[in-house]
C-alpha cells in the first residue's frame, strides 16, 4: 500500500495530549507517527495515523481549546490565502507566521466560530525519515 499525504487534516486540543495519544492508540488503534514536547515536557504537537488517514493533536495552549476539533488545510501560498480570508471577513486568530519547524501558517475562524488552520506543513501517514 502506498500512503498519500492528505491535504485536509483534523486537529484536536487536549489537556494532556500525551495521555490522549496513548488512549487513541490503545482504544481505537491509531498509530503514533511523531510527537514533539516543549521544554516543559508537555506535548506540543503529535501526529497519528489510522490507515492512510492522519490526525494532529496538541496540548491546550499549543492547540485549540478542548472539545471541538479544528481543521488544518495545506496551502502553498499562505500569505495570499490569508489576505483572501481577511478580505472575506474571516476572524483572524493569528496572522501568518514562520514556525520553528520551517513552515508558515495562520489560523482563522469562520462566521459560525469553527477554527481553521492553514499552512505549508504537509502531514504524512508515514514517520519522517529522521525519526
N, C-alpha and C. Protein backbone atom coordinates (compact mmCIF):
# COMPACT_ATOMS: atom_id res chain seq x y z
N UNK A 1 0.84 -1.18 0.00
CA UNK A 1 0.00 0.00 0.00
C UNK A 1 0.88 1.24 0.00
N UNK A 2 0.65 2.17 -0.89
CA UNK A 2 1.39 3.41 -0.94
C UNK A 2 0.57 4.48 -0.23
N UNK A 3 1.18 5.11 0.76
CA UNK A 3 0.49 6.15 1.51
C UNK A 3 0.45 7.45 0.70
N UNK A 4 -0.62 8.20 0.88
CA UNK A 4 -0.74 9.51 0.26
C UNK A 4 -0.74 10.55 1.36
N UNK A 5 -0.30 11.75 1.05
CA UNK A 5 -0.28 12.82 2.02
C UNK A 5 -1.59 13.60 1.93
N UNK A 6 -2.36 13.63 3.02
CA UNK A 6 -3.65 14.32 3.00
C UNK A 6 -3.47 15.83 2.94
N UNK A 7 -4.41 16.51 2.32
CA UNK A 7 -4.39 17.97 2.24
C UNK A 7 -5.28 18.60 3.31
N UNK A 8 -6.18 17.82 3.90
CA UNK A 8 -7.06 18.31 4.96
C UNK A 8 -6.91 17.36 6.13
N UNK A 9 -6.57 17.92 7.31
CA UNK A 9 -6.26 17.10 8.47
C UNK A 9 -6.96 17.65 9.71
N UNK A 10 -7.77 16.86 10.42
CA UNK A 10 -8.36 17.34 11.68
C UNK A 10 -7.29 17.44 12.76
N UNK A 11 -7.45 18.41 13.65
CA UNK A 11 -6.57 18.50 14.80
C UNK A 11 -7.40 18.68 16.06
N UNK A 12 -6.84 18.21 17.17
CA UNK A 12 -7.55 18.19 18.44
C UNK A 12 -6.67 18.78 19.53
N UNK A 13 -7.28 19.53 20.44
CA UNK A 13 -6.59 20.04 21.61
C UNK A 13 -6.99 19.25 22.84
N UNK A 14 -6.02 18.85 23.63
CA UNK A 14 -6.26 18.06 24.85
C UNK A 14 -5.57 18.71 26.03
N UNK A 15 -6.13 18.54 27.21
CA UNK A 15 -5.45 18.98 28.43
C UNK A 15 -4.16 18.18 28.62
N UNK A 16 -4.18 16.89 28.27
CA UNK A 16 -2.99 16.03 28.37
C UNK A 16 -2.87 15.26 27.07
N UNK A 17 -2.16 15.85 26.12
CA UNK A 17 -2.07 15.26 24.78
C UNK A 17 -1.28 13.95 24.78
N UNK A 18 -0.31 13.79 25.68
CA UNK A 18 0.43 12.53 25.75
C UNK A 18 -0.51 11.40 26.15
N UNK A 19 -1.35 11.66 27.16
CA UNK A 19 -2.32 10.65 27.60
C UNK A 19 -3.33 10.38 26.48
N UNK A 20 -3.70 11.42 25.74
CA UNK A 20 -4.65 11.25 24.64
C UNK A 20 -4.06 10.35 23.56
N UNK A 21 -2.78 10.55 23.23
CA UNK A 21 -2.15 9.69 22.22
C UNK A 21 -2.14 8.24 22.68
N UNK A 22 -1.83 8.02 23.95
CA UNK A 22 -1.81 6.65 24.47
C UNK A 22 -3.21 6.03 24.41
N UNK A 23 -4.23 6.82 24.75
CA UNK A 23 -5.60 6.33 24.71
C UNK A 23 -6.03 6.02 23.29
N UNK A 24 -5.78 6.94 22.36
CA UNK A 24 -6.19 6.74 20.97
C UNK A 24 -5.53 5.49 20.38
N UNK A 25 -4.29 5.23 20.78
CA UNK A 25 -3.60 4.03 20.31
C UNK A 25 -4.24 2.77 20.90
N UNK A 26 -4.43 2.78 22.20
CA UNK A 26 -4.96 1.59 22.89
C UNK A 26 -6.43 1.33 22.56
N UNK A 27 -7.24 2.38 22.57
CA UNK A 27 -8.68 2.20 22.41
C UNK A 27 -9.13 2.08 20.96
N UNK A 28 -8.52 2.87 20.08
CA UNK A 28 -9.03 2.96 18.72
C UNK A 28 -8.06 2.46 17.65
N UNK A 29 -6.86 2.08 18.04
CA UNK A 29 -5.92 1.54 17.08
C UNK A 29 -5.15 2.55 16.26
N UNK A 30 -5.16 3.84 16.67
CA UNK A 30 -4.34 4.83 15.99
C UNK A 30 -2.87 4.50 16.25
N UNK A 31 -2.01 4.81 15.28
CA UNK A 31 -0.58 4.57 15.43
C UNK A 31 0.16 5.90 15.49
N UNK A 32 1.04 6.08 16.48
CA UNK A 32 1.83 7.32 16.53
C UNK A 32 2.73 7.44 15.31
N UNK A 33 2.83 8.64 14.77
CA UNK A 33 3.73 8.91 13.65
C UNK A 33 4.91 9.73 14.17
N UNK A 34 4.62 10.80 14.91
CA UNK A 34 5.67 11.61 15.52
C UNK A 34 5.06 12.49 16.60
N UNK A 35 5.92 12.99 17.49
CA UNK A 35 5.47 13.91 18.53
C UNK A 35 6.63 14.79 18.98
N UNK A 36 6.29 15.98 19.44
CA UNK A 36 7.28 16.94 19.89
C UNK A 36 6.85 17.53 21.23
N UNK A 37 7.73 17.45 22.21
CA UNK A 37 7.49 18.05 23.52
C UNK A 37 8.12 19.43 23.58
N UNK A 38 7.50 20.30 24.38
CA UNK A 38 8.09 21.60 24.66
C UNK A 38 9.17 21.44 25.71
N UNK A 39 9.82 22.53 26.06
CA UNK A 39 10.88 22.50 27.07
C UNK A 39 10.37 22.01 28.42
N UNK A 40 9.07 22.21 28.68
CA UNK A 40 8.48 21.78 29.96
C UNK A 40 8.04 20.33 29.94
N UNK A 41 8.29 19.61 28.83
CA UNK A 41 7.92 18.21 28.73
C UNK A 41 6.49 17.97 28.29
N UNK A 42 5.73 19.03 28.05
CA UNK A 42 4.35 18.92 27.61
C UNK A 42 4.33 18.72 26.09
N UNK A 43 3.51 17.78 25.63
CA UNK A 43 3.42 17.51 24.21
C UNK A 43 2.83 18.73 23.49
N UNK A 44 3.59 19.30 22.58
CA UNK A 44 3.18 20.47 21.83
C UNK A 44 2.48 20.06 20.55
N UNK A 45 3.01 19.02 19.89
CA UNK A 45 2.46 18.60 18.60
C UNK A 45 2.65 17.10 18.45
N UNK A 46 1.58 16.41 18.07
CA UNK A 46 1.65 14.99 17.78
C UNK A 46 0.87 14.67 16.52
N UNK A 47 1.28 13.59 15.86
CA UNK A 47 0.57 13.12 14.68
C UNK A 47 0.36 11.63 14.82
N UNK A 48 -0.83 11.18 14.42
CA UNK A 48 -1.16 9.75 14.48
C UNK A 48 -1.85 9.37 13.18
N UNK A 49 -1.72 8.11 12.81
CA UNK A 49 -2.37 7.64 11.59
C UNK A 49 -3.34 6.52 11.92
N UNK A 50 -4.28 6.38 11.03
CA UNK A 50 -5.20 5.26 11.03
C UNK A 50 -5.39 4.91 9.57
N UNK A 51 -4.79 3.82 9.13
CA UNK A 51 -4.77 3.52 7.71
C UNK A 51 -3.99 4.61 7.00
N UNK A 52 -4.61 5.22 5.99
CA UNK A 52 -3.96 6.32 5.28
C UNK A 52 -4.38 7.68 5.82
N UNK A 53 -5.23 7.69 6.85
CA UNK A 53 -5.67 8.94 7.45
C UNK A 53 -4.71 9.42 8.52
N UNK A 54 -4.68 10.74 8.73
CA UNK A 54 -3.80 11.34 9.72
C UNK A 54 -4.60 12.34 10.55
N UNK A 55 -4.29 12.38 11.85
CA UNK A 55 -4.80 13.44 12.72
C UNK A 55 -3.60 14.12 13.38
N UNK A 56 -3.79 15.37 13.78
CA UNK A 56 -2.78 16.08 14.56
C UNK A 56 -3.42 16.47 15.88
N UNK A 57 -2.61 16.56 16.92
CA UNK A 57 -3.11 16.96 18.22
C UNK A 57 -2.03 17.64 19.02
N UNK A 58 -2.45 18.34 20.06
CA UNK A 58 -1.50 19.03 20.93
C UNK A 58 -2.16 19.36 22.25
N UNK A 59 -1.35 19.81 23.18
CA UNK A 59 -1.86 20.20 24.48
C UNK A 59 -2.46 21.60 24.39
N UNK A 60 -3.50 21.84 25.17
CA UNK A 60 -4.15 23.14 25.18
C UNK A 60 -3.10 24.19 25.50
N UNK A 61 -3.14 25.27 24.80
CA UNK A 61 -2.11 26.28 24.89
C UNK A 61 -1.27 26.24 23.63
N UNK A 62 -1.04 25.04 23.11
CA UNK A 62 -0.32 24.88 21.85
C UNK A 62 -1.30 24.49 20.75
N UNK A 63 -2.54 24.22 21.12
CA UNK A 63 -3.56 23.78 20.17
C UNK A 63 -4.87 24.48 20.54
N UNK A 64 -5.91 24.31 19.73
CA UNK A 64 -7.19 24.93 20.06
C UNK A 64 -7.75 24.35 21.35
N UNK A 65 -8.79 24.99 21.86
CA UNK A 65 -9.40 24.53 23.10
C UNK A 65 -9.97 23.13 22.95
N UNK A 66 -10.13 22.45 24.07
CA UNK A 66 -10.64 21.09 24.03
C UNK A 66 -12.11 21.07 23.64
N UNK A 67 -12.57 19.91 23.23
CA UNK A 67 -13.99 19.71 22.96
C UNK A 67 -14.33 19.70 21.48
N UNK A 68 -13.93 20.71 20.77
CA UNK A 68 -14.31 20.83 19.37
C UNK A 68 -13.06 20.78 18.50
N UNK A 69 -12.99 19.84 17.57
CA UNK A 69 -11.79 19.75 16.72
C UNK A 69 -11.71 20.91 15.74
N UNK A 70 -10.53 21.17 15.27
CA UNK A 70 -10.31 22.14 14.21
C UNK A 70 -9.90 21.40 12.96
N UNK A 71 -9.64 22.14 11.91
CA UNK A 71 -9.22 21.54 10.66
C UNK A 71 -7.98 22.27 10.17
N UNK A 72 -6.99 21.49 9.73
CA UNK A 72 -5.77 22.04 9.14
C UNK A 72 -5.82 21.76 7.64
N UNK A 73 -5.53 22.78 6.85
CA UNK A 73 -5.56 22.64 5.40
C UNK A 73 -4.20 23.07 4.84
N UNK A 74 -3.62 22.21 4.02
CA UNK A 74 -2.34 22.51 3.40
C UNK A 74 -2.56 23.50 2.26
N UNK A 75 -1.83 24.62 2.30
CA UNK A 75 -1.86 25.60 1.21
C UNK A 75 -0.43 25.97 0.84
N UNK A 76 -0.22 26.30 -0.41
CA UNK A 76 1.13 26.64 -0.87
C UNK A 76 1.48 28.09 -0.59
N UNK A 77 0.55 29.00 -0.81
CA UNK A 77 0.79 30.43 -0.65
C UNK A 77 0.03 30.95 0.57
N UNK A 78 0.63 30.82 1.73
CA UNK A 78 -0.04 31.17 2.99
C UNK A 78 -0.45 32.64 3.02
N UNK A 79 0.45 33.53 2.63
CA UNK A 79 0.14 34.96 2.74
C UNK A 79 -1.00 35.38 1.81
N UNK A 80 -1.02 34.87 0.60
CA UNK A 80 -2.11 35.18 -0.33
C UNK A 80 -3.42 34.60 0.19
N UNK A 81 -3.36 33.40 0.73
CA UNK A 81 -4.56 32.77 1.29
C UNK A 81 -5.09 33.58 2.47
N UNK A 82 -4.18 34.02 3.33
CA UNK A 82 -4.54 34.86 4.48
C UNK A 82 -5.24 36.15 4.03
N UNK A 83 -4.67 36.82 3.03
CA UNK A 83 -5.25 38.08 2.55
C UNK A 83 -6.66 37.84 2.01
N UNK A 84 -6.87 36.74 1.34
CA UNK A 84 -8.19 36.42 0.81
C UNK A 84 -9.18 36.21 1.95
N UNK A 85 -8.76 35.42 2.97
CA UNK A 85 -9.63 35.15 4.11
C UNK A 85 -9.97 36.43 4.87
N UNK A 86 -8.97 37.25 5.09
CA UNK A 86 -9.16 38.52 5.81
C UNK A 86 -10.11 39.43 5.04
N UNK A 87 -9.94 39.53 3.73
CA UNK A 87 -10.81 40.36 2.89
C UNK A 87 -12.25 39.87 2.90
N UNK A 88 -12.43 38.56 3.06
CA UNK A 88 -13.78 37.98 3.08
C UNK A 88 -14.43 38.09 4.46
N UNK A 89 -13.70 38.61 5.45
CA UNK A 89 -14.29 38.81 6.77
C UNK A 89 -14.02 37.72 7.78
N UNK A 90 -13.08 36.82 7.49
CA UNK A 90 -12.74 35.78 8.46
C UNK A 90 -12.15 36.44 9.70
N UNK A 91 -12.49 35.90 10.87
CA UNK A 91 -11.89 36.37 12.12
C UNK A 91 -10.49 35.76 12.21
N UNK A 92 -9.49 36.59 12.25
CA UNK A 92 -8.11 36.11 12.28
C UNK A 92 -7.72 35.80 13.72
N UNK A 93 -7.36 34.54 13.98
CA UNK A 93 -6.90 34.13 15.30
C UNK A 93 -5.44 34.56 15.47
N UNK A 94 -4.62 34.28 14.47
CA UNK A 94 -3.28 34.86 14.39
C UNK A 94 -2.87 34.94 12.92
N UNK A 95 -2.13 35.99 12.57
CA UNK A 95 -1.72 36.20 11.18
C UNK A 95 -0.60 35.25 10.79
N UNK A 96 -0.21 35.27 9.52
CA UNK A 96 0.86 34.37 9.07
C UNK A 96 2.12 34.51 9.92
N UNK A 97 2.70 33.35 10.21
CA UNK A 97 3.93 33.32 10.99
C UNK A 97 4.78 32.15 10.52
N UNK A 98 6.08 32.30 10.69
CA UNK A 98 7.01 31.22 10.42
C UNK A 98 7.19 30.44 11.71
N UNK A 99 7.18 29.11 11.62
CA UNK A 99 7.34 28.28 12.81
C UNK A 99 8.78 27.83 12.96
N UNK A 100 9.09 27.34 14.14
CA UNK A 100 10.43 26.81 14.39
C UNK A 100 10.68 25.53 13.60
N UNK A 101 9.64 24.96 13.01
CA UNK A 101 9.77 23.73 12.24
C UNK A 101 9.94 24.00 10.75
N UNK A 102 10.07 25.28 10.37
CA UNK A 102 10.33 25.62 8.98
C UNK A 102 9.09 25.72 8.10
N UNK A 103 7.94 25.88 8.70
CA UNK A 103 6.72 26.03 7.91
C UNK A 103 6.13 27.42 8.14
N UNK A 104 5.13 27.76 7.36
CA UNK A 104 4.42 29.03 7.51
C UNK A 104 2.95 28.69 7.70
N UNK A 105 2.27 29.45 8.58
CA UNK A 105 0.87 29.12 8.88
C UNK A 105 0.13 30.36 9.38
N UNK A 106 -1.21 30.25 9.39
CA UNK A 106 -2.07 31.22 10.06
C UNK A 106 -3.35 30.49 10.48
N UNK A 107 -4.12 31.12 11.36
CA UNK A 107 -5.34 30.50 11.86
C UNK A 107 -6.47 31.52 11.85
N UNK A 108 -7.68 31.06 11.49
CA UNK A 108 -8.85 31.93 11.41
C UNK A 108 -10.11 31.18 11.84
N UNK A 109 -11.18 31.94 12.10
CA UNK A 109 -12.48 31.35 12.41
C UNK A 109 -13.48 31.78 11.34
N UNK A 110 -14.39 30.86 11.02
CA UNK A 110 -15.45 31.19 10.08
C UNK A 110 -16.59 31.87 10.85
N UNK A 111 -17.64 32.34 10.16
CA UNK A 111 -18.71 33.07 10.84
C UNK A 111 -19.43 32.29 11.93
N UNK A 112 -19.38 30.96 11.90
CA UNK A 112 -20.01 30.14 12.94
C UNK A 112 -19.05 29.80 14.08
N UNK A 113 -17.81 30.30 14.01
CA UNK A 113 -16.85 30.09 15.08
C UNK A 113 -15.96 28.86 14.94
N UNK A 114 -16.08 28.14 13.82
CA UNK A 114 -15.21 26.98 13.60
C UNK A 114 -13.81 27.47 13.27
N UNK A 115 -12.81 26.84 13.90
CA UNK A 115 -11.44 27.25 13.69
C UNK A 115 -10.79 26.50 12.54
N UNK A 116 -10.10 27.24 11.70
CA UNK A 116 -9.40 26.70 10.53
C UNK A 116 -7.95 27.13 10.60
N UNK A 117 -7.05 26.20 10.35
CA UNK A 117 -5.62 26.49 10.32
C UNK A 117 -5.11 26.16 8.93
N UNK A 118 -4.31 27.08 8.37
CA UNK A 118 -3.79 26.91 7.01
C UNK A 118 -2.28 27.04 7.06
N UNK A 119 -1.58 26.15 6.36
CA UNK A 119 -0.13 26.24 6.39
C UNK A 119 0.54 25.41 5.32
N UNK A 120 1.86 25.56 5.28
CA UNK A 120 2.66 24.86 4.28
C UNK A 120 3.08 23.47 4.73
N UNK A 121 2.92 23.16 6.02
CA UNK A 121 3.31 21.84 6.50
C UNK A 121 2.44 20.76 5.87
N UNK A 122 3.06 19.68 5.42
CA UNK A 122 2.35 18.58 4.78
C UNK A 122 2.43 17.34 5.64
N UNK A 123 1.40 17.02 6.47
CA UNK A 123 1.43 15.81 7.28
C UNK A 123 1.46 14.57 6.39
N UNK A 124 1.98 13.49 6.93
CA UNK A 124 2.08 12.22 6.21
C UNK A 124 1.71 11.09 7.15
N UNK A 125 1.10 10.02 6.63
CA UNK A 125 0.83 8.86 7.48
C UNK A 125 2.10 8.06 7.78
N UNK A 126 3.22 8.42 7.18
CA UNK A 126 4.48 7.73 7.42
C UNK A 126 5.38 8.57 8.30
N UNK A 127 6.11 7.94 9.23
CA UNK A 127 7.05 8.69 10.05
C UNK A 127 8.12 9.35 9.18
N UNK A 128 8.64 10.49 9.62
CA UNK A 128 9.70 11.12 8.83
C UNK A 128 10.95 10.25 8.81
N UNK A 129 11.77 10.42 7.80
CA UNK A 129 12.97 9.60 7.64
C UNK A 129 13.93 9.76 8.79
N UNK A 130 13.93 10.92 9.43
CA UNK A 130 14.86 11.17 10.53
C UNK A 130 14.38 10.62 11.86
N UNK A 131 13.14 10.18 11.94
CA UNK A 131 12.58 9.69 13.22
C UNK A 131 13.12 8.33 13.59
